[in-house]
Amino acid sequence: MNLSNQNLEIHLLLFVLLLILAAVVGFVLGRIGVQKSGNRVLEVENEMLAAHAEVLKYAEHNKKLNESLEKAKAQLQSMNVQFLEEGKDERVRKLPLGKIG
């Protein structure tokens, strides 16, 4: 096969164009992949923020329950002291369970 200089230049030009085209296609595909990854990261961050908000809501609810429990314990302790002082605690323990209900 006998190639002249002109054919060799055309093939070389075609090769350079194919290299440039491959680089452009690779760049575009890479950008699409990065954009998809970025969208997924944003989606996961939003899920994480929603989960943290839910945890904070339950923590606040737990704090309110603990405060109300502390108030109830304070009232319960004062009642126990009153029963012990009057001696009614032992009398309540000796009741048969059938007569309570």
PDB file of N, CA and C in Angstrom:
ATOM      1  N   MET A   1       0.850  -1.160   0.000  1.00  0.00           N
ATOM      2  CA  MET A   1       0.000   0.000   0.000  1.00  0.00           C
ATOM      3  C   MET A   1       0.904   1.234   0.000  1.00  0.00           C
ATOM      4  N   ASN A   2       0.733   2.011  -1.003  1.00  0.00           N
ATOM      5  CA  ASN A   2       1.590   3.168  -1.198  1.00  0.00           C
ATOM      6  C   ASN A   2       0.844   4.426  -0.773  1.00  0.00           C
ATOM      7  N   LEU A   3       1.276   5.081   0.351  1.00  0.00           N
ATOM      8  CA  LEU A   3       0.615   6.285   0.846  1.00  0.00           C
ATOM      9  C   LEU A   3       1.437   7.507   0.480  1.00  0.00           C
ATOM     10  N   SER A   4       0.742   8.516   0.039  1.00  0.00           N
ATOM     11  CA  SER A   4       1.450   9.775  -0.238  1.00  0.00           C
ATOM     12  C   SER A   4       1.388  10.651   1.004  1.00  0.00           C
ATOM     13  N   ASN A   5       2.075  11.775   1.000  1.00  0.00           N
ATOM     14  CA  ASN A   5       2.085  12.694   2.139  1.00  0.00           C
ATOM     15  C   ASN A   5       0.706  13.276   2.417  1.00  0.00           C
ATOM     16  N   GLN A   6      -0.074  13.498   1.378  1.00  0.00           N
ATOM     17  CA  GLN A   6      -1.404  14.087   1.549  1.00  0.00           C
ATOM     18  C   GLN A   6      -2.322  13.122   2.304  1.00  0.00           C
ATOM     19  N   ASN A   7      -2.317  11.857   1.965  1.00  0.00           N
ATOM     20  CA  ASN A   7      -3.141  10.871   2.669  1.00  0.00           C
ATOM     21  C   ASN A   7      -2.719  10.739   4.125  1.00  0.00           C
ATOM     22  N   LEU A   8      -1.441  10.797   4.361  1.00  0.00           N
ATOM     23  CA  LEU A   8      -0.946  10.697   5.723  1.00  0.00           C
ATOM     24  C   LEU A   8      -1.397  11.899   6.553  1.00  0.00           C
ATOM     25  N   GLU A   9      -1.411  13.087   5.987  1.00  0.00           N
ATOM     26  CA  GLU A   9      -1.870  14.274   6.698  1.00  0.00           C
ATOM     27  C   GLU A   9      -3.366  14.199   6.971  1.00  0.00           C
ATOM     28  N   ILE A  10      -4.139  13.697   6.060  1.00  0.00           N
ATOM     29  CA  ILE A  10      -5.584  13.563   6.270  1.00  0.00           C
ATOM     30  C   ILE A  10      -5.849  12.574   7.397  1.00  0.00           C
ATOM     31  N   HIS A  11      -5.146  11.481   7.409  1.00  0.00           N
ATOM     32  CA  HIS A  11      -5.332  10.502   8.466  1.00  0.00           C
ATOM     33  C   HIS A  11      -4.858  11.052   9.816  1.00  0.00           C
ATOM     34  N   LEU A  12      -3.789  11.819   9.803  1.00  0.00           N
ATOM     35  CA  LEU A  12      -3.296  12.419  11.030  1.00  0.00           C
ATOM     36  C   LEU A  12      -4.285  13.461  11.541  1.00  0.00           C
ATOM     37  N   LEU A  13      -4.875  14.248  10.644  1.00  0.00           N
ATOM     38  CA  LEU A  13      -5.880  15.234  11.029  1.00  0.00           C
ATOM     39  C   LEU A  13      -7.125  14.542  11.584  1.00  0.00           C
ATOM     40  N   LEU A  14      -7.514  13.458  10.952  1.00  0.00           N
ATOM     41  CA  LEU A  14      -8.662  12.692  11.441  1.00  0.00           C
ATOM     42  C   LEU A  14      -8.374  12.134  12.841  1.00  0.00           C
ATOM     43  N   PHE A  15      -7.147  11.638  13.058  1.00  0.00           N
ATOM     44  CA  PHE A  15      -6.756  11.109  14.354  1.00  0.00           C
ATOM     45  C   PHE A  15      -6.796  12.194  15.434  1.00  0.00           C
ATOM     46  N   VAL A  16      -6.309  13.381  15.125  1.00  0.00           N
ATOM     47  CA  VAL A  16      -6.327  14.494  16.081  1.00  0.00           C
ATOM     48  C   VAL A  16      -7.762  14.894  16.405  1.00  0.00           C
ATOM     49  N   LEU A  17      -8.613  14.957  15.369  1.00  0.00           N
ATOM     50  CA  LEU A  17     -10.032  15.269  15.609  1.00  0.00           C
ATOM     51  C   LEU A  17     -10.701  14.224  16.491  1.00  0.00           C
ATOM     52  N   LEU A  18     -10.393  12.958  16.251  1.00  0.00           N
ATOM     53  CA  LEU A  18     -10.962  11.896  17.095  1.00  0.00           C
ATOM     54  C   LEU A  18     -10.470  12.017  18.537  1.00  0.00           C
ATOM     55  N   LEU A  19      -9.227  12.365  18.735  1.00  0.00           N
ATOM     56  CA  LEU A  19      -8.711  12.566  20.096  1.00  0.00           C
ATOM     57  C   LEU A  19      -9.422  13.725  20.792  1.00  0.00           C
ATOM     58  N   ILE A  20      -9.603  14.818  20.067  1.00  0.00           N
ATOM     59  CA  ILE A  20     -10.293  15.977  20.648  1.00  0.00           C
ATOM     60  C   ILE A  20     -11.743  15.619  20.958  1.00  0.00           C
ATOM     61  N   LEU A  21     -12.402  14.910  20.040  1.00  0.00           N
ATOM     62  CA  LEU A  21     -13.792  14.494  20.253  1.00  0.00           C
ATOM     63  C   LEU A  21     -13.904  13.561  21.468  1.00  0.00           C
ATOM     64  N   ALA A  22     -12.960  12.635  21.600  1.00  0.00           N
ATOM     65  CA  ALA A  22     -12.965  11.715  22.746  1.00  0.00           C
ATOM     66  C   ALA A  22     -12.767  12.481  24.055  1.00  0.00           C
ATOM     67  N   ALA A  23     -11.896  13.484  24.039  1.00  0.00           N
ATOM     68  CA  ALA A  23     -11.664  14.278  25.239  1.00  0.00           C
ATOM     69  C   ALA A  23     -12.920  15.061  25.616  1.00  0.00           C
ATOM     70  N   VAL A  24     -13.599  15.632  24.637  1.00  0.00           N
ATOM     71  CA  VAL A  24     -14.820  16.401  24.906  1.00  0.00           C
ATOM     72  C   VAL A  24     -15.922  15.485  25.438  1.00  0.00           C
ATOM     73  N   VAL A  25     -16.088  14.321  24.815  1.00  0.00           N
ATOM     74  CA  VAL A  25     -17.113  13.367  25.275  1.00  0.00           C
ATOM     75  C   VAL A  25     -16.790  12.891  26.694  1.00  0.00           C
ATOM     76  N   GLY A  26     -15.540  12.611  26.972  1.00  0.00           N
ATOM     77  CA  GLY A  26     -15.143  12.203  28.320  1.00  0.00           C
ATOM     78  C   GLY A  26     -15.399  13.287  29.342  1.00  0.00           C
ATOM     79  N   PHE A  27     -15.113  14.531  28.979  1.00  0.00           N
ATOM     80  CA  PHE A  27     -15.366  15.646  29.886  1.00  0.00           C
ATOM     81  C   PHE A  27     -16.855  15.783  30.177  1.00  0.00           C
ATOM     82  N   VAL A  28     -17.685  15.693  29.124  1.00  0.00           N
ATOM     83  CA  VAL A  28     -19.135  15.833  29.307  1.00  0.00           C
ATOM     84  C   VAL A  28     -19.681  14.693  30.165  1.00  0.00           C
ATOM     85  N   LEU A  29     -19.246  13.460  29.895  1.00  0.00           N
ATOM     86  CA  LEU A  29     -19.716  12.330  30.708  1.00  0.00           C
ATOM     87  C   LEU A  29     -19.249  12.461  32.159  1.00  0.00           C
ATOM     88  N   GLY A  30     -18.039  12.956  32.355  1.00  0.00           N
ATOM     89  CA  GLY A  30     -17.546  13.168  33.721  1.00  0.00           C
ATOM     90  C   GLY A  30     -18.357  14.209  34.461  1.00  0.00           C
ATOM     91  N   ARG A  31     -18.701  15.291  33.789  1.00  0.00           N
ATOM     92  CA  ARG A  31     -19.517  16.340  34.415  1.00  0.00           C
ATOM     93  C   ARG A  31     -20.900  15.817  34.786  1.00  0.00           C
ATOM     94  N   ILE A  32     -21.473  14.980  33.919  1.00  0.00           N
ATOM     95  CA  ILE A  32     -22.786  14.398  34.220  1.00  0.00           C
ATOM     96  C   ILE A  32     -22.688  13.518  35.464  1.00  0.00           C
ATOM     97  N   GLY A  33     -21.619  12.728  35.564  1.00  0.00           N
ATOM     98  CA  GLY A  33     -21.425  11.882  36.745  1.00  0.00           C
ATOM     99  C   GLY A  33     -21.254  12.694  38.009  1.00  0.00           C
ATOM    100  N   VAL A  34     -20.496  13.771  37.921  1.00  0.00           N
ATOM    101  CA  VAL A  34     -20.278  14.640  39.092  1.00  0.00           C
ATOM    102  C   VAL A  34     -21.596  15.288  39.506  1.00  0.00           C
ATOM    103  N   GLN A  35     -22.392  15.697  38.530  1.00  0.00           N
ATOM    104  CA  GLN A  35     -23.680  16.330  38.844  1.00  0.00           C
ATOM    105  C   GLN A  35     -24.624  15.334  39.522  1.00  0.00           C
ATOM    106  N   LYS A  36     -24.649  14.088  39.041  1.00  0.00           N
ATOM    107  CA  LYS A  36     -25.493  13.066  39.679  1.00  0.00           C
ATOM    108  C   LYS A  36     -25.028  12.799  41.105  1.00  0.00           C
ATOM    109  N   SER A  37     -23.714  12.731  41.291  1.00  0.00           N
ATOM    110  CA  SER A  37     -23.177  12.507  42.641  1.00  0.00           C
ATOM    111  C   SER A  37     -23.520  13.678  43.559  1.00  0.00           C
ATOM    112  N   GLY A  38     -23.403  14.892  43.045  1.00  0.00           N
ATOM    113  CA  GLY A  38     -23.740  16.067  43.845  1.00  0.00           C
ATOM    114  C   GLY A  38     -25.202  16.081  44.239  1.00  0.00           C
ATOM    115  N   ASN A  39     -26.073  15.687  43.303  1.00  0.00           N
ATOM    116  CA  ASN A  39     -27.506  15.624  43.627  1.00  0.00           C
ATOM    117  C   ASN A  39     -27.773  14.576  44.695  1.00  0.00           C
ATOM    118  N   ARG A  40     -27.089  13.440  44.624  1.00  0.00           N
ATOM    119  CA  ARG A  40     -27.273  12.384  45.621  1.00  0.00           C
ATOM    120  C   ARG A  40     -26.779  12.853  46.992  1.00  0.00           C
ATOM    121  N   VAL A  41     -25.661  13.576  47.007  1.00  0.00           N
ATOM    122  CA  VAL A  41     -25.128  14.103  48.270  1.00  0.00           C
ATOM    123  C   VAL A  41     -26.130  15.070  48.893  1.00  0.00           C
ATOM    124  N   LEU A  42     -26.719  15.951  48.081  1.00  0.00           N
ATOM    125  CA  LEU A  42     -27.718  16.885  48.605  1.00  0.00           C
ATOM    126  C   LEU A  42     -28.943  16.150  49.144  1.00  0.00           C
ATOM    127  N   GLU A  43     -29.363  15.095  48.453  1.00  0.00           N
ATOM    128  CA  GLU A  43     -30.512  14.311  48.907  1.00  0.00           C
ATOM    129  C   GLU A  43     -30.219  13.649  50.253  1.00  0.00           C
ATOM    130  N   VAL A  44     -29.032  13.078  50.388  1.00  0.00           N
ATOM    131  CA  VAL A  44     -28.660  12.422  51.649  1.00  0.00           C
ATOM    132  C   VAL A  44     -28.525  13.452  52.770  1.00  0.00           C
ATOM    133  N   GLU A  45     -27.985  14.632  52.460  1.00  0.00           N
ATOM    134  CA  GLU A  45     -27.886  15.681  53.477  1.00  0.00           C
ATOM    135  C   GLU A  45     -29.269  16.117  53.949  1.00  0.00           C
ATOM    136  N   ASN A  46     -30.214  16.227  53.036  1.00  0.00           N
ATOM    137  CA  ASN A  46     -31.581  16.597  53.432  1.00  0.00           C
ATOM    138  C   ASN A  46     -32.205  15.522  54.308  1.00  0.00           C
ATOM    139  N   GLU A  47     -31.971  14.251  53.969  1.00  0.00           N
ATOM    140  CA  GLU A  47     -32.476  13.164  54.816  1.00  0.00           C
ATOM    141  C   GLU A  47     -31.843  13.226  56.202  1.00  0.00           C
ATOM    142  N   MET A  48     -30.551  13.517  56.247  1.00  0.00           N
ATOM    143  CA  MET A  48     -29.850  13.599  57.531  1.00  0.00           C
ATOM    144  C   MET A  48     -30.393  14.753  58.363  1.00  0.00           C
ATOM    145  N   LEU A  49     -30.631  15.899  57.739  1.00  0.00           N
ATOM    146  CA  LEU A  49     -31.185  17.041  58.473  1.00  0.00           C
ATOM    147  C   LEU A  49     -32.582  16.733  58.998  1.00  0.00           C
ATOM    148  N   ALA A  50     -33.380  16.022  58.203  1.00  0.00           N
ATOM    149  CA  ALA A  50     -34.722  15.636  58.661  1.00  0.00           C
ATOM    150  C   ALA A  50     -34.622  14.680  59.850  1.00  0.00           C
ATOM    151  N   ALA A  51     -33.672  13.752  59.780  1.00  0.00           N
ATOM    152  CA  ALA A  51     -33.492  12.803  60.886  1.00  0.00           C
ATOM    153  C   ALA A  51     -33.032  13.533  62.152  1.00  0.00           C
ATOM    154  N   HIS A  52     -32.124  14.499  61.995  1.00  0.00           N
ATOM    155  CA  HIS A  52     -31.661  15.259  63.161  1.00  0.00           C
ATOM    156  C   HIS A  52     -32.809  16.087  63.758  1.00  0.00           C
ATOM    157  N   ALA A  53     -33.643  16.648  62.902  1.00  0.00           N
ATOM    158  CA  ALA A  53     -34.785  17.414  63.407  1.00  0.00           C
ATOM    159  C   ALA A  53     -35.727  16.507  64.192  1.00  0.00           C
ATOM    160  N   GLU A  54     -35.921  15.289  63.696  1.00  0.00           N
ATOM    161  CA  GLU A  54     -36.790  14.345  64.398  1.00  0.00           C
ATOM    162  C   GLU A  54     -36.181  13.955  65.741  1.00  0.00           C
ATOM    163  N   VAL A  55     -34.866  13.728  65.764  1.00  0.00           N
ATOM    164  CA  VAL A  55     -34.191  13.383  67.019  1.00  0.00           C
ATOM    165  C   VAL A  55     -34.311  14.529  68.016  1.00  0.00           C
ATOM    166  N   LEU A  56     -34.142  15.759  67.552  1.00  0.00           N
ATOM    167  CA  LEU A  56     -34.269  16.909  68.444  1.00  0.00           C
ATOM    168  C   LEU A  56     -35.689  17.043  68.984  1.00  0.00           C
ATOM    169  N   LYS A  57     -36.675  16.749  68.135  1.00  0.00           N
ATOM    170  CA  LYS A  57     -38.068  16.812  68.585  1.00  0.00           C
ATOM    171  C   LYS A  57     -38.312  15.786  69.688  1.00  0.00           C
ATOM    172  N   TYR A  58     -37.792  14.561  69.484  1.00  0.00           N
ATOM    173  CA  TYR A  58     -37.974  13.529  70.508  1.00  0.00           C
ATOM    174  C   TYR A  58     -37.172  13.835  71.769  1.00  0.00           C
ATOM    175  N   ALA A  59     -36.016  14.466  71.624  1.00  0.00           N
ATOM    176  CA  ALA A  59     -35.226  14.844  72.793  1.00  0.00           C
ATOM    177  C   ALA A  59     -35.964  15.899  73.611  1.00  0.00           C
ATOM    178  N   GLU A  60     -36.578  16.849  72.932  1.00  0.00           N
ATOM    179  CA  GLU A  60     -37.352  17.872  73.641  1.00  0.00           C
ATOM    180  C   GLU A  60     -38.551  17.246  74.352  1.00  0.00           C
ATOM    181  N   HIS A  61     -39.217  16.317  73.674  1.00  0.00           N
ATOM    182  CA  HIS A  61     -40.358  15.630  74.285  1.00  0.00           C
ATOM    183  C   HIS A  61     -39.891  14.812  75.494  1.00  0.00           C
ATOM    184  N   ASN A  62     -38.731  14.148  75.372  1.00  0.00           N
ATOM    185  CA  ASN A  62     -38.184  13.367  76.473  1.00  0.00           C
ATOM    186  C   ASN A  62     -37.843  14.272  77.655  1.00  0.00           C
ATOM    187  N   LYS A  63     -37.312  15.450  77.363  1.00  0.00           N
ATOM    188  CA  LYS A  63     -36.980  16.396  78.435  1.00  0.00           C
ATOM    189  C   LYS A  63     -38.238  16.824  79.184  1.00  0.00           C
ATOM    190  N   LYS A  64     -39.314  17.095  78.438  1.00  0.00           N
ATOM    191  CA  LYS A  64     -40.568  17.479  79.087  1.00  0.00           C
ATOM    192  C   LYS A  64     -41.109  16.341  79.945  1.00  0.00           C
ATOM    193  N   LEU A  65     -41.007  15.109  79.432  1.00  0.00           N
ATOM    194  CA  LEU A  65     -41.467  13.964  80.214  1.00  0.00           C
ATOM    195  C   LEU A  65     -40.631  13.784  81.479  1.00  0.00           C
ATOM    196  N   ASN A  66     -39.309  13.963  81.364  1.00  0.00           N
ATOM    197  CA  ASN A  66     -38.452  13.840  82.546  1.00  0.00           C
ATOM    198  C   ASN A  66     -38.777  14.912  83.575  1.00  0.00           C
ATOM    199  N   GLU A  67     -39.052  16.131  83.116  1.00  0.00           N
ATOM    200  CA  GLU A  67     -39.416  17.196  84.049  1.00  0.00           C
ATOM    201  C   GLU A  67     -40.726  16.887  84.762  1.00  0.00           C
ATOM    202  N   SER A  68     -41.692  16.384  84.010  1.00  0.00           N
ATOM    203  CA  SER A  68     -42.965  16.041  84.652  1.00  0.00           C
ATOM    204  C   SER A  68     -42.790  14.856  85.598  1.00  0.00           C
ATOM    205  N   LEU A  69     -41.888  13.931  85.247  1.00  0.00           N
ATOM    206  CA  LEU A  69     -41.611  12.796  86.126  1.00  0.00           C
ATOM    207  C   LEU A  69     -40.941  13.271  87.410  1.00  0.00           C
ATOM    208  N   GLU A  70     -40.037  14.214  87.303  1.00  0.00           N
ATOM    209  CA  GLU A  70     -39.384  14.754  88.499  1.00  0.00           C
ATOM    210  C   GLU A  70     -40.407  15.447  89.402  1.00  0.00           C
ATOM    211  N   LYS A  71     -41.352  16.165  88.803  1.00  0.00           N
ATOM    212  CA  LYS A  71     -42.406  16.802  89.603  1.00  0.00           C
ATOM    213  C   LYS A  71     -43.262  15.749  90.291  1.00  0.00           C
ATOM    214  N   ALA A  72     -43.577  14.676  89.556  1.00  0.00           N
ATOM    215  CA  ALA A  72     -44.398  13.609  90.134  1.00  0.00           C
ATOM    216  C   ALA A  72     -43.636  12.891  91.242  1.00  0.00           C
ATOM    217  N   LYS A  73     -42.333  12.687  91.061  1.00  0.00           N
ATOM    218  CA  LYS A  73     -41.536  12.038  92.104  1.00  0.00           C
ATOM    219  C   LYS A  73     -41.485  12.902  93.353  1.00  0.00           C
ATOM    220  N   ALA A  74     -41.396  14.193  93.180  1.00  0.00           N
ATOM    221  CA  ALA A  74     -41.358  15.088  94.329  1.00  0.00           C
ATOM    222  C   ALA A  74     -42.652  14.983  95.114  1.00  0.00           C
ATOM    223  N   GLN A  75     -43.783  14.922  94.427  1.00  0.00           N
ATOM    224  CA  GLN A  75     -45.066  14.781  95.105  1.00  0.00           C
ATOM    225  C   GLN A  75     -45.179  13.398  95.735  1.00  0.00           C
ATOM    226  N   LEU A  76     -44.682  12.358  95.057  1.00  0.00           N
ATOM    227  CA  LEU A  76     -44.760  10.991  95.562  1.00  0.00           C
ATOM    228  C   LEU A  76     -43.914  10.831  96.818  1.00  0.00           C
ATOM    229  N   GLN A  77     -42.746  11.417  96.861  1.00  0.00           N
ATOM    230  CA  GLN A  77     -41.897  11.321  98.030  1.00  0.00           C
ATOM    231  C   GLN A  77     -42.547  11.995  99.230  1.00  0.00           C
ATOM    232  N   SER A  78     -43.197  13.105  99.022  1.00  0.00           N
ATOM    233  CA  SER A  78     -43.851  13.759 100.145  1.00  0.00           C
ATOM    234  C   SER A  78     -45.002  12.911 100.655  1.00  0.00           C
ATOM    235  N   MET A  79     -45.690  12.193  99.773  1.00  0.00           N
ATOM    236  CA  MET A  79     -46.778  11.322 100.198  1.00  0.00           C
ATOM    237  C   MET A  79     -46.223  10.131 100.974  1.00  0.00           C
ATOM    238  N   ASN A  80     -45.091   9.556 100.532  1.00  0.00           N
ATOM    239  CA  ASN A  80     -44.493   8.421 101.236  1.00  0.00           C
ATOM    240  C   ASN A  80     -44.048   8.807 102.629  1.00  0.00           C
ATOM    241  N   VAL A  81     -43.500   9.964 102.774  1.00  0.00           N
ATOM    242  CA  VAL A  81     -43.075  10.428 104.098  1.00  0.00           C
ATOM    243  C   VAL A  81     -44.294  10.556 105.000  1.00  0.00           C
ATOM    244  N   GLN A  82     -45.390  11.012 104.449  1.00  0.00           N
ATOM    245  CA  GLN A  82     -46.602  11.169 105.236  1.00  0.00           C
ATOM    246  C   GLN A  82     -47.126   9.798 105.694  1.00  0.00           C
ATOM    247  N   PHE A  83     -47.116   8.781 104.805  1.00  0.00           N
ATOM    248  CA  PHE A  83     -47.571   7.442 105.183  1.00  0.00           C
ATOM    249  C   PHE A  83     -46.665   6.815 106.233  1.00  0.00           C
ATOM    250  N   LEU A  84     -45.372   7.006 106.101  1.00  0.00           N
ATOM    251  CA  LEU A  84     -44.451   6.424 107.071  1.00  0.00           C
ATOM    252  C   LEU A  84     -44.622   7.065 108.440  1.00  0.00           C
ATOM    253  N   GLU A  85     -44.906   8.343 108.447  1.00  0.00           N
ATOM    254  CA  GLU A  85     -45.075   9.021 109.729  1.00  0.00           C
ATOM    255  C   GLU A  85     -46.326   8.531 110.436  1.00  0.00           C
ATOM    256  N   GLU A  86     -47.365   8.243 109.682  1.00  0.00           N
ATOM    257  CA  GLU A  86     -48.622   7.844 110.312  1.00  0.00           C
ATOM    258  C   GLU A  86     -48.701   6.345 110.559  1.00  0.00           C
ATOM    259  N   GLY A  87     -47.737   5.538 110.001  1.00  0.00           N
ATOM    260  CA  GLY A  87     -47.758   4.102 110.215  1.00  0.00           C
ATOM    261  C   GLY A  87     -48.763   3.383 109.339  1.00  0.00           C
ATOM    262  N   LYS A  88     -49.256   4.011 108.296  1.00  0.00           N
ATOM    263  CA  LYS A  88     -50.253   3.377 107.439  1.00  0.00           C
ATOM    264  C   LYS A  88     -49.615   2.476 106.387  1.00  0.00           C
ATOM    265  N   ASP A  89     -48.331   2.604 106.194  1.00  0.00           N
ATOM    266  CA  ASP A  89     -47.657   1.838 105.154  1.00  0.00           C
ATOM    267  C   ASP A  89     -47.736   0.346 105.448  1.00  0.00           C
ATOM    268  N   GLU A  90     -47.517  -0.069 106.664  1.00  0.00           N
ATOM    269  CA  GLU A  90     -47.569  -1.490 107.013  1.00  0.00           C
ATOM    270  C   GLU A  90     -48.991  -2.019 106.929  1.00  0.00           C
ATOM    271  N   ARG A  91     -49.953  -1.208 107.266  1.00  0.00           N
ATOM    272  CA  ARG A  91     -51.345  -1.634 107.209  1.00  0.00           C
ATOM    273  C   ARG A  91     -51.775  -1.862 105.751  1.00  0.00           C
ATOM    274  N   VAL A  92     -51.280  -1.041 104.836  1.00  0.00           N
ATOM    275  CA  VAL A  92     -51.613  -1.203 103.421  1.00  0.00           C
ATOM    276  C   VAL A  92     -50.966  -2.460 102.866  1.00  0.00           C
ATOM    277  N   ARG A  93     -49.779  -2.810 103.290  1.00  0.00           N
ATOM    278  CA  ARG A  93     -49.091  -4.004 102.802  1.00  0.00           C
ATOM    279  C   ARG A  93     -49.801  -5.284 103.248  1.00  0.00           C
ATOM    280  N   LYS A  94     -50.477  -5.276 104.340  1.00  0.00           N
ATOM    281  CA  LYS A  94     -51.096  -6.478 104.881  1.00  0.00           C
ATOM    282  C   LYS A  94     -52.466  -6.761 104.268  1.00  0.00           C
ATOM    283  N   LEU A  95     -52.995  -5.852 103.432  1.00  0.00           N
ATOM    284  CA  LEU A  95     -54.290  -6.092 102.809  1.00  0.00           C
ATOM    285  C   LEU A  95     -54.190  -7.239 101.802  1.00  0.00           C
ATOM    286  N   PRO A  96     -55.125  -8.165 101.806  1.00  0.00           N
ATOM    287  CA  PRO A  96     -55.139  -9.229 100.771  1.00  0.00           C
ATOM    288  C   PRO A  96     -55.482  -8.620  99.419  1.00  0.00           C
ATOM    289  N   LEU A  97     -54.913  -9.155  98.353  1.00  0.00           N
ATOM    290  CA  LEU A  97     -55.107  -8.582  97.026  1.00  0.00           C
ATOM    291  C   LEU A  97     -56.545  -8.746  96.547  1.00  0.00           C
ATOM    292  N   GLY A  98     -57.248  -9.745  96.991  1.00  0.00           N
ATOM    293  CA  GLY A  98     -58.643  -9.959  96.555  1.00  0.00           C
ATOM    294  C   GLY A  98     -59.557  -8.839  97.028  1.00  0.00           C
ATOM    295  N   LYS A  99     -59.261  -8.239  98.162  1.00  0.00           N
ATOM    296  CA  LYS A  99     -60.126  -7.199  98.695  1.00  0.00           C
ATOM    297  C   LYS A  99     -59.852  -5.821  98.064  1.00  0.00           C
ATOM    298  N   ILE A 100     -58.703  -5.674  97.416  1.00  0.00           N
ATOM    299  CA  ILE A 100     -58.365  -4.374  96.824  1.00  0.00           C
ATOM    300  C   ILE A 100     -59.212  -4.134  95.587  1.00  0.00           C
ATOM    301  N   GLY A 101     -59.307  -5.082  94.699  1.00  0.00           N
ATOM    302  CA  GLY A 101     -59.989  -4.868  93.438  1.00  0.00           C
ATOM    303  C   GLY A 101     -61.396  -5.238  93.552  1.00  0.00           C
TER     304      GLY A 101
END
